[in-house]
Amino acid sequence: MKIGILGTRGIPNAYGGFEQCAQYLAEGLEKKGHEVWVYNSSDHPYAGKKWNNINIIHCKDPESKIGSVGQFIYDFNCLRDARKRNYDILLQLGYTSNSLWHFIWPTKTSNIINMDGLEWKRSKYNRITQSFLKRAEKWAVDHGDMLIADSIAIQNYLQQKYNKSSVYIPYGAVIFENPAVDVLAEWELEAKKYFLVIARMEPENNIEMIIEGFIRSKKPFPLVIIGNTNNKYGQYLHNKYKHQLIVFTEGIYDQEKINNIRFFSTRYFHGHSVGGTNPSLLEAMACSCNIVAHDNPFNKAILTDYAQYFNNADDISTIVNEAAIENYSNENISRNIEKIKTQFDWKKVIDAYEQAFLHAKRY
């Protein structure tokens, strides 16, 4: 098949979850013999036209100059190019700015949409933006030839809200097997003597709740927060919490480094509250983290009984105070590793996407 992938900033991954997904899918599908094309933002640091035998198409992206509206222009440019490529499959990762242009989606291509999470619930958006995102979600549901849900909770939502079936295909992760404690020296951290958050600086990720709960506790270990603070909310958190034990590291995209930081944390806090299968949660599971997650259906669908949960800052404080230092091995860790092997393995994810594409192509 000739497969196009759009909706991300591009590959190789230098940004986040959907870019990671695009990279793994593109590599896996190419190795299976398919012709794969990935759309890259003109701001992406990789400028080549090929990467690991994958075709790269660079499209003009003005987001860095004009803000979020630039995403719509970038997606328009990608879709306008896609119309002339004669793809068998066009995989759109996310719908927020793609579905506005549903009327120019290629008509002789199977348009497959990964529905991501409930974007309209994100508290960073005002009412007008939330209303638009609800409309965009409906456009995607109405016009997509096939919908992909990366969470059972999202699949159920699409069925109940729109009476629309979807194919459940989760995100994937790779089990981290070669920890190297000396990596921690760059941040002056000690193994199992720090708490960890990895997230985009957004209100719905409950970072402030985690910080407040941590400050109320009596643990003398640092709370390390990994994520770019260059947006408005990130700057707010960075400026408000000048605590000696709160460490903001900005984004870390070296996979070995960030996996080691995950592995040697004493507790990993996952505050995400909207969306489907969050990539950073699976990666924490794959790095043998002791996970403390926000109590919501999306996180519980993944972790079930093999995590601690919180609803407020007091819960965080209690969990921090009770956290054991020596917790390299427990049932939660082993059960979550087993889930990565059996449910969230990238090979199985790639196989599932291939089967979905083949089915879509037949019809």
Protein backbone atom coordinates (compact mmCIF):
# COMPACT_ATOMS: atom_id res chain seq x y z
CA MET A 1 0.00 0.00 0.00
CA LYS A 2 0.94 3.63 -0.46
CA ILE A 3 0.39 5.23 2.94
CA GLY A 4 0.49 8.89 3.96
CA ILE A 5 0.73 10.00 7.60
CA LEU A 6 -0.15 13.54 8.60
CA GLY A 7 -1.30 15.45 11.69
CA THR A 8 2.07 15.65 13.45
CA ARG A 9 5.10 17.91 13.32
CA GLY A 10 6.96 15.05 11.70
CA ILE A 11 9.73 12.51 12.17
CA PRO A 12 12.21 11.65 13.54
CA ASN A 13 10.41 12.45 16.78
CA ALA A 14 11.60 15.67 18.38
CA TYR A 15 8.35 16.70 20.04
CA GLY A 16 6.03 14.19 21.68
CA GLY A 17 3.47 11.40 21.60
CA PHE A 18 1.87 11.53 18.15
CA GLU A 19 5.28 12.17 16.59
CA GLN A 20 6.56 9.05 18.36
CA CYS A 21 3.54 7.14 17.06
CA ALA A 22 4.15 8.39 13.51
CA GLN A 23 7.80 7.34 13.72
CA TYR A 24 7.14 3.80 14.96
CA LEU A 25 4.28 3.26 12.52
CA ALA A 26 6.22 4.59 9.55
CA GLU A 27 9.27 2.44 10.32
CA GLY A 28 7.21 -0.67 10.99
CA LEU A 29 5.02 -0.32 7.91
CA GLU A 30 8.02 0.40 5.68
CA LYS A 31 9.71 -2.78 6.92
CA LYS A 32 6.56 -4.69 5.97
CA GLY A 33 7.03 -3.54 2.39
CA HIS A 34 4.64 -0.59 2.22
CA GLU A 35 5.49 2.76 0.66
CA VAL A 36 5.25 5.30 3.48
CA TRP A 37 5.14 9.11 3.30
CA VAL A 38 5.21 11.33 6.40
CA TYR A 39 4.39 15.04 6.46
CA ASN A 40 6.88 17.21 8.34
CA SER A 41 6.53 20.79 9.50
CA SER A 42 8.84 23.25 7.78
CA ASP A 43 10.13 24.02 11.30
CA HIS A 44 11.15 20.41 11.94
CA PRO A 45 14.91 20.11 12.56
CA TYR A 46 15.24 17.24 10.05
CA ALA A 47 15.51 18.66 6.53
CA GLY A 48 16.06 15.50 4.47
CA LYS A 49 13.63 14.03 1.95
CA LYS A 50 14.21 10.46 3.17
CA TRP A 51 14.60 9.03 6.65
CA ASN A 52 15.16 5.29 7.13
CA ASN A 53 13.63 4.64 3.68
CA ILE A 54 10.55 6.70 4.60
CA ASN A 55 9.59 9.56 2.29
CA ILE A 56 9.45 12.95 4.02
CA ILE A 57 7.30 15.79 2.67
CA HIS A 58 8.06 19.22 4.14
CA CYS A 59 5.08 21.57 4.24
CA LYS A 60 4.97 25.24 5.18
CA ASP A 61 4.07 25.65 8.85
CA PRO A 62 3.66 29.24 10.13
CA GLU A 63 2.75 28.29 13.71
CA SER A 64 6.01 29.62 15.16
CA LYS A 65 5.22 33.03 13.62
CA ILE A 66 1.46 33.40 14.05
CA GLY A 67 0.55 30.98 16.86
CA SER A 68 -1.99 28.16 16.99
CA VAL A 69 -3.88 29.28 13.88
CA GLY A 70 -0.74 28.24 12.00
CA GLN A 71 -1.65 24.59 12.68
CA PHE A 72 -4.70 24.95 10.43
CA ILE A 73 -2.60 26.41 7.63
CA TYR A 74 -0.02 23.63 8.02
CA ASP A 75 -2.69 20.94 7.87
CA PHE A 76 -4.27 22.62 4.84
CA ASN A 77 -0.89 22.56 3.10
CA CYS A 78 -0.43 18.88 3.96
CA LEU A 79 -3.88 17.92 2.70
CA ARG A 80 -3.50 19.95 -0.47
CA ASP A 81 -0.31 17.98 -1.20
CA ALA A 82 -1.98 14.68 -0.27
CA ARG A 83 -4.66 15.20 -2.92
CA LYS A 84 -2.10 14.67 -5.67
CA ARG A 85 -0.27 11.64 -4.21
CA ASN A 86 -2.81 8.88 -4.93
CA TYR A 87 -2.45 7.29 -1.50
CA ASP A 88 -4.27 4.08 -0.72
CA ILE A 89 -4.43 5.15 2.91
CA LEU A 90 -4.18 8.59 4.50
CA LEU A 91 -3.78 8.31 8.27
CA GLN A 92 -4.61 11.50 10.12
CA LEU A 93 -3.25 11.49 13.68
CA GLY A 94 -5.74 13.68 15.52
CA TYR A 95 -8.62 15.74 14.18
CA THR A 96 -8.49 19.18 15.81
CA SER A 97 -7.19 21.13 12.82
CA ASN A 98 -7.44 18.48 10.07
CA SER A 99 -11.21 18.02 10.10
CA LEU A 100 -11.86 21.70 9.35
CA TRP A 101 -10.64 20.84 5.85
CA HIS A 102 -12.74 17.67 5.44
CA PHE A 103 -14.10 18.99 2.15
CA ILE A 104 -10.62 18.75 0.57
CA TRP A 105 -9.70 15.32 1.92
CA PRO A 106 -8.59 13.09 -0.98
CA THR A 107 -11.69 11.38 -2.36
CA LYS A 108 -10.05 8.28 -3.84
CA THR A 109 -8.15 7.51 -0.62
CA SER A 110 -9.27 5.78 2.58
CA ASN A 111 -9.19 8.59 5.14
CA ILE A 112 -8.48 7.04 8.54
CA ILE A 113 -8.64 9.20 11.67
CA ASN A 114 -6.99 8.48 15.01
CA MET A 115 -9.47 10.31 17.26
CA ASP A 116 -6.98 11.09 20.04
CA GLY A 117 -8.73 12.29 23.22
CA LEU A 118 -11.58 14.59 24.19
CA GLU A 119 -9.80 17.74 23.06
CA TRP A 120 -12.80 19.98 23.74
CA LYS A 121 -12.56 19.18 27.47
CA ARG A 122 -9.15 20.80 27.82
CA SER A 123 -9.49 23.66 30.30
CA LYS A 124 -6.90 25.81 28.51
CA TYR A 125 -9.48 26.50 25.81
CA ASN A 126 -12.17 29.18 26.07
CA ARG A 127 -15.82 28.40 25.35
CA ILE A 128 -15.60 29.43 21.70
CA THR A 129 -12.60 27.16 21.09
CA GLN A 130 -14.23 24.29 22.99
CA SER A 131 -17.36 24.70 20.86
CA PHE A 132 -15.25 24.58 17.70
CA LEU A 133 -13.46 21.46 18.88
CA LYS A 134 -16.76 19.70 19.50
CA ARG A 135 -17.74 20.58 15.94
CA ALA A 136 -14.36 19.41 14.65
CA GLU A 137 -14.82 16.11 16.46
CA LYS A 138 -18.18 15.62 14.73
CA TRP A 139 -16.71 16.50 11.32
CA ALA A 140 -14.07 13.82 11.84
CA VAL A 141 -16.66 11.26 12.92
CA ASP A 142 -18.96 12.10 10.01
CA HIS A 143 -16.34 12.21 7.27
CA GLY A 144 -13.69 9.69 8.31
CA ASP A 145 -13.81 6.40 6.41
CA MET A 146 -12.52 4.61 9.49
CA LEU A 147 -11.98 5.82 13.06
CA ILE A 148 -9.18 4.57 15.31
CA ALA A 149 -9.64 4.76 19.09
CA ASP A 150 -6.48 4.30 21.13
CA SER A 151 -8.49 3.73 24.31
CA ILE A 152 -11.49 1.55 25.14
CA ALA A 153 -12.94 4.60 26.92
CA ILE A 154 -12.69 6.64 23.69
CA GLN A 155 -14.17 3.77 21.69
CA ASN A 156 -17.14 3.64 24.08
CA TYR A 157 -17.53 7.40 23.91
CA LEU A 158 -17.69 7.40 20.09
CA GLN A 159 -20.29 4.63 20.14
CA GLN A 160 -22.45 6.28 22.79
CA LYS A 161 -22.14 9.88 21.56
CA TYR A 162 -22.31 9.33 17.79
CA ASN A 163 -23.43 5.71 17.37
CA LYS A 164 -20.21 5.30 15.37
CA SER A 165 -18.04 2.21 15.54
CA SER A 166 -14.26 2.48 15.69
CA VAL A 167 -11.27 0.18 15.66
CA TYR A 168 -9.47 -0.07 18.98
CA ILE A 169 -5.71 0.10 18.49
CA PRO A 170 -3.68 1.26 21.49
CA TYR A 171 -0.44 3.15 21.56
CA GLY A 172 2.77 1.17 22.07
CA ALA A 173 5.88 1.22 24.22
CA VAL A 174 9.26 -0.50 24.40
CA ILE A 175 10.39 -2.14 27.63
CA PHE A 176 13.44 -0.41 29.06
CA GLU A 177 16.00 -3.05 29.97
CA ASN A 178 19.43 -1.41 30.36
CA PRO A 179 19.35 1.19 33.15
CA ALA A 180 22.49 3.23 33.82
CA VAL A 181 22.37 5.12 37.09
CA ASP A 182 25.27 7.43 36.14
CA VAL A 183 22.90 9.23 33.74
CA LEU A 184 21.29 10.87 36.78
CA ALA A 185 24.44 12.85 37.56
CA GLU A 186 23.57 15.45 34.92
CA TRP A 187 20.66 16.57 37.11
CA GLU A 188 22.31 15.77 40.47
CA LEU A 189 19.69 13.14 41.24
CA GLU A 190 20.01 10.00 43.35
CA ALA A 191 18.34 6.72 42.45
CA LYS A 192 14.97 6.24 44.15
CA LYS A 193 15.29 9.59 45.95
CA TYR A 194 13.14 11.81 43.74
CA PHE A 195 9.57 12.00 42.48
CA LEU A 196 8.79 12.55 38.83
CA VAL A 197 6.29 14.22 36.51
CA ILE A 198 6.58 14.19 32.71
CA ALA A 199 3.88 16.19 30.95
CA ARG A 200 2.98 19.08 28.72
CA MET A 201 2.36 22.19 30.80
CA GLU A 202 -1.44 22.18 30.60
CA PRO A 203 -4.04 22.62 33.40
CA GLU A 204 -5.80 19.32 32.66
CA ASN A 205 -2.56 17.46 33.44
CA ASN A 206 -3.01 18.46 37.08
CA ILE A 207 0.62 19.48 37.56
CA GLU A 208 -0.24 22.21 40.03
CA MET A 209 -2.27 19.76 42.12
CA ILE A 210 0.74 17.42 42.22
CA ILE A 211 3.09 20.27 43.19
CA GLU A 212 0.76 21.51 45.95
CA GLY A 213 0.41 18.02 47.39
CA PHE A 214 4.14 17.45 47.22
CA ILE A 215 4.89 20.72 49.05
CA ARG A 216 2.47 19.74 51.85
CA SER A 217 4.37 16.48 52.39
CA LYS A 218 7.43 16.05 54.53
CA LYS A 219 9.66 14.11 52.16
CA PRO A 220 13.13 15.67 51.73
CA PHE A 221 13.43 14.46 48.11
CA PRO A 222 12.97 16.63 45.01
CA LEU A 223 10.01 16.63 42.64
CA VAL A 224 11.38 16.64 39.09
CA ILE A 225 9.06 18.10 36.45
CA ILE A 226 10.01 17.42 32.82
CA GLY A 227 8.24 19.46 30.16
CA ASN A 228 8.67 22.69 28.26
CA THR A 229 7.58 25.74 30.28
CA ASN A 230 7.57 28.15 27.34
CA ASN A 231 3.77 28.43 27.19
CA LYS A 232 1.64 30.68 29.42
CA TYR A 233 0.71 27.97 31.92
CA GLY A 234 4.25 26.63 32.06
CA GLN A 235 5.58 30.10 32.85
CA TYR A 236 2.93 30.48 35.55
CA LEU A 237 4.01 27.25 37.26
CA HIS A 238 7.71 28.00 36.90
CA ASN A 239 7.34 31.48 38.36
CA LYS A 240 4.96 30.51 41.19
CA TYR A 241 6.83 27.50 42.55
CA LYS A 242 10.34 28.64 43.41
CA HIS A 243 10.70 25.84 45.96
CA GLN A 244 14.13 24.35 46.60
CA LEU A 245 12.80 20.83 46.01
CA ILE A 246 10.84 21.61 42.82
CA VAL A 247 13.06 21.01 39.78
CA PHE A 248 11.91 22.07 36.29
CA THR A 249 14.16 20.49 33.64
CA GLU A 250 12.35 21.60 30.45
CA GLY A 251 11.87 18.97 27.73
CA ILE A 252 14.25 16.00 27.46
CA TYR A 253 14.07 14.13 24.14
CA ASP A 254 17.06 11.83 24.47
CA GLN A 255 15.28 8.50 24.91
CA GLU A 256 18.02 6.85 26.96
CA LYS A 257 18.24 9.78 29.36
CA ILE A 258 14.52 10.13 29.94
CA ASN A 259 14.05 6.37 30.34
CA ASN A 260 16.72 6.27 33.01
CA ILE A 261 15.12 9.19 34.82
CA ARG A 262 11.82 7.30 34.75
CA PHE A 263 13.37 4.02 35.89
CA PHE A 264 15.13 5.43 38.94
CA SER A 265 12.25 7.58 40.25
CA THR A 266 10.60 6.52 43.50
CA ARG A 267 7.11 7.48 42.27
CA TYR A 268 5.93 8.62 38.84
CA PHE A 269 2.95 11.00 38.92
CA HIS A 270 0.64 10.90 35.92
CA GLY A 271 -1.89 13.71 36.13
CA HIS A 272 -3.42 13.52 32.64
CA SER A 273 -7.20 13.69 32.88
CA VAL A 274 -8.47 13.93 29.28
CA GLY A 275 -7.58 11.80 26.31
CA GLY A 276 -7.14 8.17 25.49
CA THR A 277 -4.06 6.03 25.96
CA ASN A 278 -1.44 8.60 26.89
CA PRO A 279 2.01 7.70 25.49
CA SER A 280 3.91 8.92 28.54
CA LEU A 281 1.88 6.59 30.77
CA LEU A 282 2.78 3.52 28.72
CA GLU A 283 6.42 4.60 28.64
CA ALA A 284 6.39 4.91 32.43
CA MET A 285 4.96 1.40 32.68
CA ALA A 286 7.67 0.15 30.32
CA CYS A 287 10.34 1.77 32.50
CA SER A 288 9.26 -0.09 35.65
CA CYS A 289 7.86 3.01 37.36
CA ASN A 290 5.74 2.95 40.48
CA ILE A 291 2.83 4.96 39.08
CA VAL A 292 0.49 7.33 40.87
CA ALA A 293 -2.26 8.36 38.42
CA HIS A 294 -5.13 10.81 38.39
CA ASP A 295 -8.33 8.90 39.12
CA ASN A 296 -10.25 8.88 35.83
CA PRO A 297 -11.60 6.25 33.37
CA PHE A 298 -8.80 6.77 30.82
CA ASN A 299 -6.00 6.00 33.27
CA LYS A 300 -7.91 3.21 35.00
CA ALA A 301 -8.60 1.51 31.67
CA ILE A 302 -4.83 1.09 31.28
CA LEU A 303 -3.58 0.60 34.84
CA THR A 304 -6.60 -1.13 36.45
CA ASP A 305 -5.57 -2.14 39.99
CA TYR A 306 -1.83 -1.81 39.43
CA ALA A 307 -1.27 1.80 40.45
CA GLN A 308 -2.10 4.28 43.18
CA TYR A 309 -4.67 6.97 42.36
CA PHE A 310 -5.26 10.55 43.45
CA ASN A 311 -8.11 13.07 43.24
CA ASN A 312 -6.66 16.05 45.09
CA ALA A 313 -3.54 17.54 46.64
CA ASP A 314 -4.17 15.84 49.99
CA ASP A 315 -4.07 12.44 48.26
CA ILE A 316 -0.71 13.39 46.77
CA SER A 317 0.67 14.48 50.13
CA THR A 318 -0.38 11.20 51.76
CA ILE A 319 1.11 9.10 48.96
CA VAL A 320 4.40 11.03 49.02
CA ASN A 321 4.74 10.67 52.79
CA GLU A 322 4.08 6.93 52.61
CA ALA A 323 6.35 6.27 49.61
CA ALA A 324 9.00 3.68 50.30
CA ILE A 325 12.53 4.32 49.04
CA GLU A 326 13.28 0.70 48.25
CA ASN A 327 10.66 -0.24 45.68
CA TYR A 328 12.61 -1.63 42.76
CA SER A 329 10.28 -4.59 42.46
CA ASN A 330 6.63 -5.02 43.35
CA GLU A 331 3.50 -6.48 41.87
CA ASN A 332 2.37 -3.24 40.22
CA ILE A 333 5.62 -2.98 38.28
CA SER A 334 5.64 -6.60 37.13
CA ARG A 335 1.96 -6.53 36.14
CA ASN A 336 2.42 -3.33 34.12
CA ILE A 337 5.47 -4.73 32.36
CA GLU A 338 3.40 -7.76 31.42
CA LYS A 339 0.73 -5.44 29.98
CA ILE A 340 3.34 -3.77 27.77
CA LYS A 341 4.38 -7.20 26.47
CA THR A 342 0.88 -8.49 25.83
CA GLN A 343 -1.24 -5.40 25.05
CA PHE A 344 0.96 -2.43 24.18
CA ASP A 345 3.82 -3.93 22.20
CA TRP A 346 4.73 -1.84 19.15
CA LYS A 347 4.93 -4.86 16.86
CA LYS A 348 1.35 -5.78 17.72
CA VAL A 349 0.25 -2.16 17.30
CA ILE A 350 1.85 -1.94 13.84
CA ASP A 351 0.27 -5.27 12.84
CA ALA A 352 -3.13 -3.99 13.96
CA TYR A 353 -2.76 -0.78 11.94
CA GLU A 354 -1.74 -2.79 8.88
CA GLN A 355 -4.80 -5.02 9.19
CA ALA A 356 -7.07 -1.99 9.62
CA PHE A 357 -5.54 -0.39 6.51
CA LEU A 358 -5.98 -3.56 4.47
CA HIS A 359 -9.61 -3.78 5.54
CA ALA A 360 -10.21 -0.11 4.71
CA LYS A 361 -8.55 -0.48 1.32
CA ARG A 362 -10.83 -3.39 0.36
CA TYR A 363 -13.87 -1.20 0.87
